[in-house]
Amino acid sequence: MILSNGVDIDAQGGYHGSALQTASLQGHQRIVQLLLDSGADINARTPCGSLGNPLWAASYGGNCKTVRLLVARGANLNAYDDKFGNAVRAALMQEYQDIVHLPLDLGADIDDALYYASTRGQQEMVQLLLDRGADVNARNSIALRANLAKQAALPKFTSLGSITRQLLEKGADVTVKDRMGITPLHIACSSAYIPLQTGKLLVEKGADLTAPNKHGWTPLHCPSQCGHIDVVSYLLDMAKGFESTSEVGNALLRAFPPNDGIDVSLEVNVEDERDTGNELAHHAEINQPIMSYWPSSSFLLDLPDEAGRTPVLYAADRGHSRIVEMVLQYSNALNRKDFYGITPLSAAARKGHKLSLLYC
């Protein structure tokens, strides 16, 4: 009766969006069939509701038969938006394993689902998706980074740590950087909520201790500023005998303030006659023998960021006296100035950190 009176069959409104979305959510197959036969848009997205599209709604509602019906009638399995994801994500939200399998069997994208399950601590679902062939390195290992970022924000969410191990065992890339140059190890070292064991696992899997982000911060800068002494201690222990795999050699020479007494041998590219004395540093490279000449823990502590600030300076500036005391055995960076002439001693004095002053 209603459909025969010229109504807008795709009209949106309320929490559930269109009539087709509502019927799909509730699993009313006959109504879904009737609406489709009457011309309802099978892939219509809701601008105001919370159910994405009809297929998303059916998956979220756990209605296998309705999912099959919609796919058979041409629903887009991989219809996706930033808010709702795709049909697999909808099933993951409700933890319907049978519904998760169904769209995957029909060809739905699996990689977005892995990212979502990794951030929600759904360990069984993550294993299911990995067993189904999800790519742990899809979209630059976003699942691993998102998982670590969620751990950094949520204390005592133990299943997230277990998922980290699952992803790493499947070959997640531990060296991948986001647009700010942040690696998984940067994230793990910056939060008190992420167990030290997670950072250890990343290092064992090949994480680079010297990798700088866009601001020149290495993973050691993070715990030095935040006061995570156990993380600092572990990184320094692991640094003994390391060989850098990043571009830290060039970054190091560009970042050190001039005339600070670094005694290294350089190979300089002088083929470009336009190079000035200052520009030559941009082509300087540290010889591999130099890498072994420096005590490696000292080398790691002396790596500055884009402002010429070392991890030691940040520890002194924040008053983390135990870290300052601990690193004295490794580094002479207490006399190192940043680009503004600030040393760890002057930073501690400026902030009034008495204990840090004693060690500086």
Protein backbone atom coordinates (compact mmCIF):
# COMPACT_ATOMS: atom_id res chain seq x y z
CA MET A 1 0.00 0.00 0.00
CA ILE A 2 2.65 2.52 1.04
CA LEU A 3 5.00 1.64 -1.82
CA SER A 4 2.23 2.07 -4.38
CA ASN A 5 1.62 5.69 -3.38
CA GLY A 6 4.79 7.25 -4.75
CA VAL A 7 6.88 7.44 -1.58
CA ASP A 8 10.64 7.96 -1.71
CA ILE A 9 11.80 4.41 -1.12
CA ASP A 10 15.33 5.53 -0.24
CA ALA A 11 14.30 8.28 2.17
CA GLN A 12 16.76 8.57 5.05
CA GLY A 13 15.91 9.42 8.61
CA GLY A 14 16.28 8.44 12.22
CA TYR A 15 18.88 6.20 13.76
CA HIS A 16 18.69 3.40 11.18
CA GLY A 17 18.66 5.41 7.98
CA SER A 18 16.52 4.02 5.14
CA ALA A 19 13.78 1.37 5.21
CA LEU A 20 16.13 -1.09 3.49
CA GLN A 21 18.82 -0.56 6.10
CA THR A 22 16.34 -1.06 8.92
CA ALA A 23 14.93 -4.26 7.40
CA SER A 24 18.46 -5.55 6.76
CA LEU A 25 19.46 -4.90 10.37
CA GLN A 26 16.46 -6.83 11.67
CA GLY A 27 16.86 -9.69 9.19
CA HIS A 28 13.42 -9.27 7.60
CA GLN A 29 14.25 -11.03 4.34
CA ARG A 30 10.84 -10.73 2.70
CA ILE A 31 10.76 -6.99 3.31
CA VAL A 32 14.32 -6.66 2.02
CA GLN A 33 13.30 -8.58 -1.10
CA LEU A 34 10.20 -6.41 -1.55
CA LEU A 35 12.13 -3.16 -1.18
CA LEU A 36 14.76 -4.29 -3.66
CA ASP A 37 12.10 -5.38 -6.15
CA SER A 38 10.56 -1.93 -5.76
CA GLY A 39 13.82 -0.19 -6.69
CA ALA A 40 15.53 0.50 -3.37
CA ASP A 41 19.21 1.43 -3.72
CA ILE A 42 21.12 -1.59 -2.44
CA ASN A 43 24.33 0.38 -1.84
CA ALA A 44 22.85 3.58 -0.45
CA ARG A 45 24.90 5.05 2.39
CA THR A 46 23.27 6.79 5.26
CA PRO A 47 24.21 10.43 5.82
CA CYS A 48 22.52 10.65 9.19
CA GLY A 49 22.09 7.17 10.65
CA SER A 50 24.59 4.74 12.08
CA LEU A 51 24.34 1.68 9.85
CA GLY A 52 26.56 2.50 6.89
CA ASN A 53 24.69 0.71 4.09
CA PRO A 54 22.23 -2.21 3.89
CA LEU A 55 24.95 -4.88 3.73
CA TRP A 56 26.75 -3.31 6.68
CA ALA A 57 23.47 -3.29 8.62
CA ALA A 58 22.80 -6.97 7.88
CA SER A 59 26.32 -7.93 8.97
CA TYR A 60 26.05 -5.86 12.12
CA GLY A 61 22.75 -7.54 12.90
CA GLY A 62 24.23 -11.01 12.46
CA ASN A 63 21.82 -11.97 9.69
CA CYS A 64 23.59 -14.48 7.43
CA LYS A 65 20.68 -15.09 5.09
CA THR A 66 20.13 -11.39 4.56
CA VAL A 67 23.83 -10.90 3.85
CA ARG A 68 23.67 -13.63 1.20
CA LEU A 69 20.54 -12.13 -0.31
CA LEU A 70 22.05 -8.65 -0.56
CA VAL A 71 25.27 -9.95 -2.11
CA ALA A 72 23.29 -12.05 -4.59
CA ARG A 73 21.35 -8.92 -5.58
CA GLY A 74 24.55 -6.95 -6.22
CA ALA A 75 25.55 -5.34 -2.92
CA ASN A 76 29.13 -4.07 -2.93
CA LEU A 77 31.08 -6.26 -0.50
CA ASN A 78 33.85 -3.70 -0.18
CA ALA A 79 31.73 -0.58 0.17
CA TYR A 80 33.74 1.39 2.72
CA ASP A 81 33.88 4.68 4.51
CA ASP A 82 36.03 6.02 7.32
CA LYS A 83 33.23 5.92 9.88
CA PHE A 84 31.67 2.50 9.22
CA GLY A 85 34.34 0.45 7.45
CA ASN A 86 33.02 -2.50 5.44
CA ALA A 87 30.76 -5.46 6.14
CA VAL A 88 33.54 -7.47 7.77
CA ARG A 89 34.18 -4.68 10.25
CA ALA A 90 30.47 -4.60 11.07
CA ALA A 91 30.57 -8.29 12.00
CA LEU A 92 33.74 -7.74 14.04
CA MET A 93 32.01 -5.06 16.07
CA GLN A 94 29.55 -7.68 17.30
CA GLU A 95 32.13 -10.51 17.25
CA TYR A 96 30.03 -12.69 14.96
CA GLN A 97 32.56 -15.24 13.71
CA ASP A 98 30.17 -16.86 11.25
CA ILE A 99 29.33 -13.48 9.73
CA VAL A 100 33.03 -12.61 9.51
CA HIS A 101 33.63 -15.76 7.48
CA LEU A 102 30.68 -15.12 5.15
CA PRO A 103 31.74 -11.84 3.48
CA LEU A 104 35.32 -13.09 3.37
CA ASP A 105 34.15 -16.23 1.58
CA LEU A 106 32.36 -13.98 -0.87
CA GLY A 107 35.45 -11.83 -1.52
CA ALA A 108 35.36 -8.92 0.94
CA ASP A 109 38.56 -7.03 1.74
CA ILE A 110 40.24 -8.59 4.77
CA ASP A 111 43.00 -6.09 5.53
CA ASP A 112 40.80 -3.33 6.94
CA ALA A 113 39.28 -5.92 9.24
CA LEU A 114 42.72 -6.86 10.59
CA TYR A 115 43.43 -3.23 11.42
CA TYR A 116 40.12 -2.89 13.24
CA ALA A 117 40.40 -6.13 15.22
CA SER A 118 43.97 -5.26 16.21
CA THR A 119 42.85 -2.02 17.83
CA ARG A 120 39.94 -3.61 19.71
CA GLY A 121 41.95 -6.34 21.39
CA GLN A 122 40.03 -9.10 19.59
CA GLN A 123 42.71 -11.75 19.79
CA GLU A 124 40.62 -14.63 18.42
CA MET A 125 39.39 -12.50 15.54
CA VAL A 126 42.92 -11.39 14.71
CA GLN A 127 44.03 -15.02 14.57
CA LEU A 128 41.03 -15.88 12.40
CA LEU A 129 41.91 -13.10 9.95
CA LEU A 130 45.58 -14.04 9.89
CA ASP A 131 44.63 -17.64 9.21
CA ARG A 132 42.44 -16.41 6.36
CA GLY A 133 45.43 -14.66 4.79
CA ALA A 134 45.22 -11.08 6.02
CA ASP A 135 48.33 -9.10 5.06
CA VAL A 136 50.03 -7.84 8.23
CA ASN A 137 51.91 -5.26 6.18
CA ALA A 138 48.94 -3.90 4.24
CA ARG A 139 48.90 -0.11 4.15
CA ASN A 140 52.38 0.13 5.69
CA SER A 141 51.75 -2.14 8.67
CA ILE A 142 48.94 0.06 9.91
CA ALA A 143 47.58 -2.79 12.03
CA LEU A 144 50.78 -3.02 14.10
CA ARG A 145 51.11 0.73 14.57
CA ALA A 146 47.43 1.14 15.41
CA ASN A 147 47.64 -1.70 17.91
CA LEU A 148 50.64 -0.12 19.66
CA ALA A 149 49.03 3.32 19.66
CA LYS A 150 45.94 1.91 21.36
CA GLN A 151 48.16 0.18 23.95
CA ALA A 152 49.87 3.50 24.62
CA ALA A 153 46.50 5.03 25.50
CA LEU A 154 44.88 2.15 27.40
CA PRO A 155 46.48 0.75 30.56
CA LYS A 156 46.24 -2.94 31.41
CA PHE A 157 44.63 -3.96 28.12
CA THR A 158 46.59 -7.21 28.02
CA SER A 159 45.03 -8.69 24.90
CA LEU A 160 46.53 -5.85 22.85
CA GLY A 161 50.01 -7.01 23.82
CA SER A 162 49.18 -10.55 22.78
CA ILE A 163 48.01 -9.24 19.41
CA THR A 164 51.33 -7.42 18.97
CA ARG A 165 53.06 -10.79 19.24
CA GLN A 166 50.62 -12.36 16.79
CA LEU A 167 51.30 -9.66 14.20
CA LEU A 168 55.06 -9.87 14.64
CA GLU A 169 55.04 -13.65 14.33
CA LYS A 170 53.31 -13.22 10.97
CA GLY A 171 56.05 -10.86 9.78
CA ALA A 172 54.77 -7.36 10.53
CA ASP A 173 57.35 -4.79 9.44
CA VAL A 174 58.90 -3.22 12.56
CA THR A 175 60.82 -0.57 10.61
CA VAL A 176 57.89 1.06 8.82
CA LYS A 177 57.32 4.76 9.52
CA ASP A 178 54.19 6.88 9.44
CA ARG A 179 54.08 10.32 7.80
CA MET A 180 55.81 11.80 10.86
CA GLY A 181 58.60 9.26 10.71
CA ILE A 182 57.40 7.44 13.82
CA THR A 183 58.22 3.74 14.00
CA PRO A 184 56.58 1.08 16.18
CA LEU A 185 59.59 1.27 18.52
CA HIS A 186 59.05 5.02 19.01
CA ILE A 187 55.49 4.27 20.14
CA ALA A 188 56.51 1.41 22.42
CA CYS A 189 59.23 3.48 24.11
CA SER A 190 57.06 6.52 24.72
CA SER A 191 54.31 5.04 26.88
CA ALA A 192 54.38 3.69 30.41
CA TYR A 193 51.36 1.53 29.50
CA ILE A 194 53.25 -0.60 26.98
CA PRO A 195 55.24 -3.38 28.71
CA LEU A 196 59.00 -3.33 28.30
CA GLN A 197 58.69 -6.83 26.84
CA THR A 198 56.92 -5.37 23.81
CA GLY A 199 59.84 -3.06 23.10
CA LYS A 200 62.22 -5.98 23.52
CA LEU A 201 60.22 -8.02 21.03
CA LEU A 202 60.34 -5.20 18.47
CA VAL A 203 64.11 -4.94 18.83
CA GLU A 204 64.50 -8.70 18.50
CA LYS A 205 62.47 -8.53 15.28
CA GLY A 206 64.81 -5.90 13.83
CA ALA A 207 63.56 -2.50 14.99
CA ASP A 208 66.19 0.20 14.40
CA LEU A 209 67.42 1.84 17.62
CA THR A 210 68.72 4.85 15.71
CA ALA A 211 65.78 5.56 13.39
CA PRO A 212 64.94 9.29 13.56
CA ASN A 213 61.44 10.65 13.16
CA LYS A 214 60.71 13.89 11.28
CA HIS A 215 62.03 15.89 14.22
CA GLY A 216 65.17 13.81 14.63
CA TRP A 217 63.98 11.91 17.69
CA THR A 218 65.28 8.38 18.02
CA PRO A 219 63.42 5.84 20.17
CA LEU A 220 65.79 6.74 23.04
CA HIS A 221 64.63 10.36 23.08
CA CYS A 222 61.12 9.21 24.04
CA PRO A 223 61.80 7.43 27.37
CA SER A 224 64.53 9.92 28.26
CA GLN A 225 62.03 12.76 28.20
CA CYS A 226 59.25 10.73 29.82
CA GLY A 227 61.43 9.28 32.59
CA HIS A 228 61.05 5.59 31.72
CA ILE A 229 64.35 4.48 33.23
CA ASP A 230 63.85 0.76 32.56
CA VAL A 231 63.31 1.45 28.85
CA VAL A 232 66.39 3.70 28.70
CA SER A 233 68.45 1.01 30.42
CA TYR A 234 67.26 -1.68 28.03
CA LEU A 235 67.92 0.38 24.88
CA LEU A 236 71.43 1.19 26.04
CA ASP A 237 72.12 -2.46 26.78
CA MET A 238 70.82 -3.46 23.37
CA ALA A 239 72.87 -0.73 21.70
CA LYS A 240 76.13 -2.43 22.61
CA GLY A 241 77.54 -3.73 19.37
CA PHE A 242 74.66 -2.64 17.15
CA GLU A 243 75.05 -1.73 13.51
CA SER A 244 72.74 1.00 12.29
CA THR A 245 70.42 0.19 9.42
CA SER A 246 69.02 3.71 9.11
CA GLU A 247 70.36 6.92 7.62
CA VAL A 248 71.53 8.01 11.05
CA GLY A 249 75.09 8.65 9.87
CA ASN A 250 74.12 11.54 7.63
CA ALA A 251 71.49 12.80 10.04
CA LEU A 252 74.05 12.84 12.84
CA LEU A 253 76.50 15.11 11.07
CA ARG A 254 73.81 17.48 9.88
CA ALA A 255 72.39 17.83 13.37
CA PHE A 256 75.47 18.38 15.54
CA PRO A 257 76.14 22.05 16.27
CA PRO A 258 79.42 23.30 14.77
CA ASN A 259 82.71 23.14 16.70
CA ASP A 260 81.50 20.77 19.39
CA GLY A 261 84.61 18.66 19.28
CA ILE A 262 83.43 15.50 17.53
CA ASP A 263 86.44 13.57 16.30
CA VAL A 264 85.32 11.47 13.36
CA SER A 265 86.77 10.69 9.94
CA LEU A 266 84.54 11.70 7.07
CA GLU A 267 84.17 10.81 3.45
CA VAL A 268 82.96 13.93 1.67
CA ASN A 269 81.35 14.12 -1.74
CA VAL A 270 82.92 17.17 -3.38
CA GLU A 271 81.85 16.48 -6.92
CA ASP A 272 79.30 19.27 -6.77
CA GLU A 273 81.33 22.48 -7.05
CA ARG A 274 78.40 24.46 -5.68
CA ASP A 275 78.89 22.94 -2.24
CA THR A 276 79.98 25.39 0.40
CA GLY A 277 81.69 24.49 3.64
CA ASN A 278 78.36 24.24 5.42
CA GLU A 279 76.76 22.19 2.67
CA LEU A 280 79.53 19.60 2.65
CA ALA A 281 78.14 18.17 5.85
CA HIS A 282 75.01 17.19 3.94
CA HIS A 283 77.11 14.78 1.88
CA ALA A 284 79.24 13.49 4.74
CA GLU A 285 79.07 9.85 5.63
CA ILE A 286 80.38 8.02 8.66
CA ASN A 287 82.75 5.22 7.73
CA GLN A 288 81.68 1.81 8.97
CA PRO A 289 84.90 1.47 11.05
CA ILE A 290 83.88 4.61 12.93
CA MET A 291 80.63 2.91 13.93
CA SER A 292 82.61 0.30 15.81
CA TYR A 293 85.16 2.84 17.07
CA TRP A 294 82.59 4.68 19.13
CA PRO A 295 81.12 2.86 22.14
CA SER A 296 77.73 2.11 20.70
CA SER A 297 75.71 3.11 23.76
CA SER A 298 77.56 6.41 23.81
CA PHE A 299 76.81 6.84 20.12
CA LEU A 300 73.11 6.31 20.73
CA LEU A 301 73.06 8.81 23.60
CA ASP A 302 74.89 11.42 21.55
CA LEU A 303 72.43 11.36 18.65
CA PRO A 304 70.74 14.78 18.55
CA ASP A 305 67.35 15.77 17.23
CA GLU A 306 66.72 18.57 14.75
CA ALA A 307 67.45 21.16 17.46
CA GLY A 308 70.73 19.50 18.43
CA ARG A 309 69.26 18.10 21.65
CA THR A 310 70.37 14.70 22.90
CA PRO A 311 68.37 12.29 25.07
CA VAL A 312 70.57 13.34 28.01
CA LEU A 313 69.54 16.97 27.63
CA TYR A 314 65.86 16.04 27.67
CA ALA A 315 66.33 13.90 30.78
CA ALA A 316 68.11 16.76 32.58
CA ASP A 317 65.53 19.30 31.42
CA ARG A 318 62.68 17.17 32.82
CA GLY A 319 64.48 16.45 36.08
CA HIS A 320 64.91 12.71 35.54
CA SER A 321 68.00 12.51 37.73
CA ARG A 322 68.20 8.72 37.79
CA ILE A 323 68.45 8.63 34.01
CA VAL A 324 71.10 11.37 34.04
CA GLU A 325 73.07 9.42 36.64
CA MET A 326 72.76 6.16 34.73
CA VAL A 327 73.96 7.52 31.38
CA LEU A 328 77.11 9.12 32.81
CA GLN A 329 78.95 5.82 32.33
CA TYR A 330 78.11 5.82 28.63
CA SER A 331 78.34 9.37 27.35
CA ASN A 332 80.13 12.68 27.49
CA ALA A 333 77.01 14.41 26.22
CA LEU A 334 76.72 16.46 29.41
CA ASN A 335 78.89 19.09 27.73
CA ARG A 336 77.09 18.91 24.41
CA LYS A 337 75.29 22.10 23.42
CA ASP A 338 72.13 22.27 21.33
CA PHE A 339 71.71 24.82 18.56
CA TYR A 340 70.77 27.44 21.15
CA GLY A 341 73.83 26.84 23.31
CA ILE A 342 71.91 24.96 26.01
CA THR A 343 73.67 22.10 27.81
CA PRO A 344 72.10 19.50 30.13
CA LEU A 345 73.58 21.47 33.06
CA SER A 346 72.00 24.76 32.03
CA ALA A 347 68.70 23.01 31.26
CA ALA A 348 68.58 21.47 34.74
CA ALA A 349 69.55 24.77 36.37
CA ARG A 350 66.91 26.70 34.44
CA LYS A 351 64.18 24.32 35.60
CA GLY A 352 65.49 24.08 39.17
CA HIS A 353 66.15 20.34 39.15
CA LYS A 354 68.61 20.01 42.05
CA LEU A 355 69.30 16.28 41.76
CA SER A 356 69.94 16.51 38.04
CA LEU A 357 72.38 19.35 38.73
CA LEU A 358 74.38 17.12 41.06
CA TYR A 359 75.06 14.65 38.26
CA CYS A 360 75.67 17.28 35.61
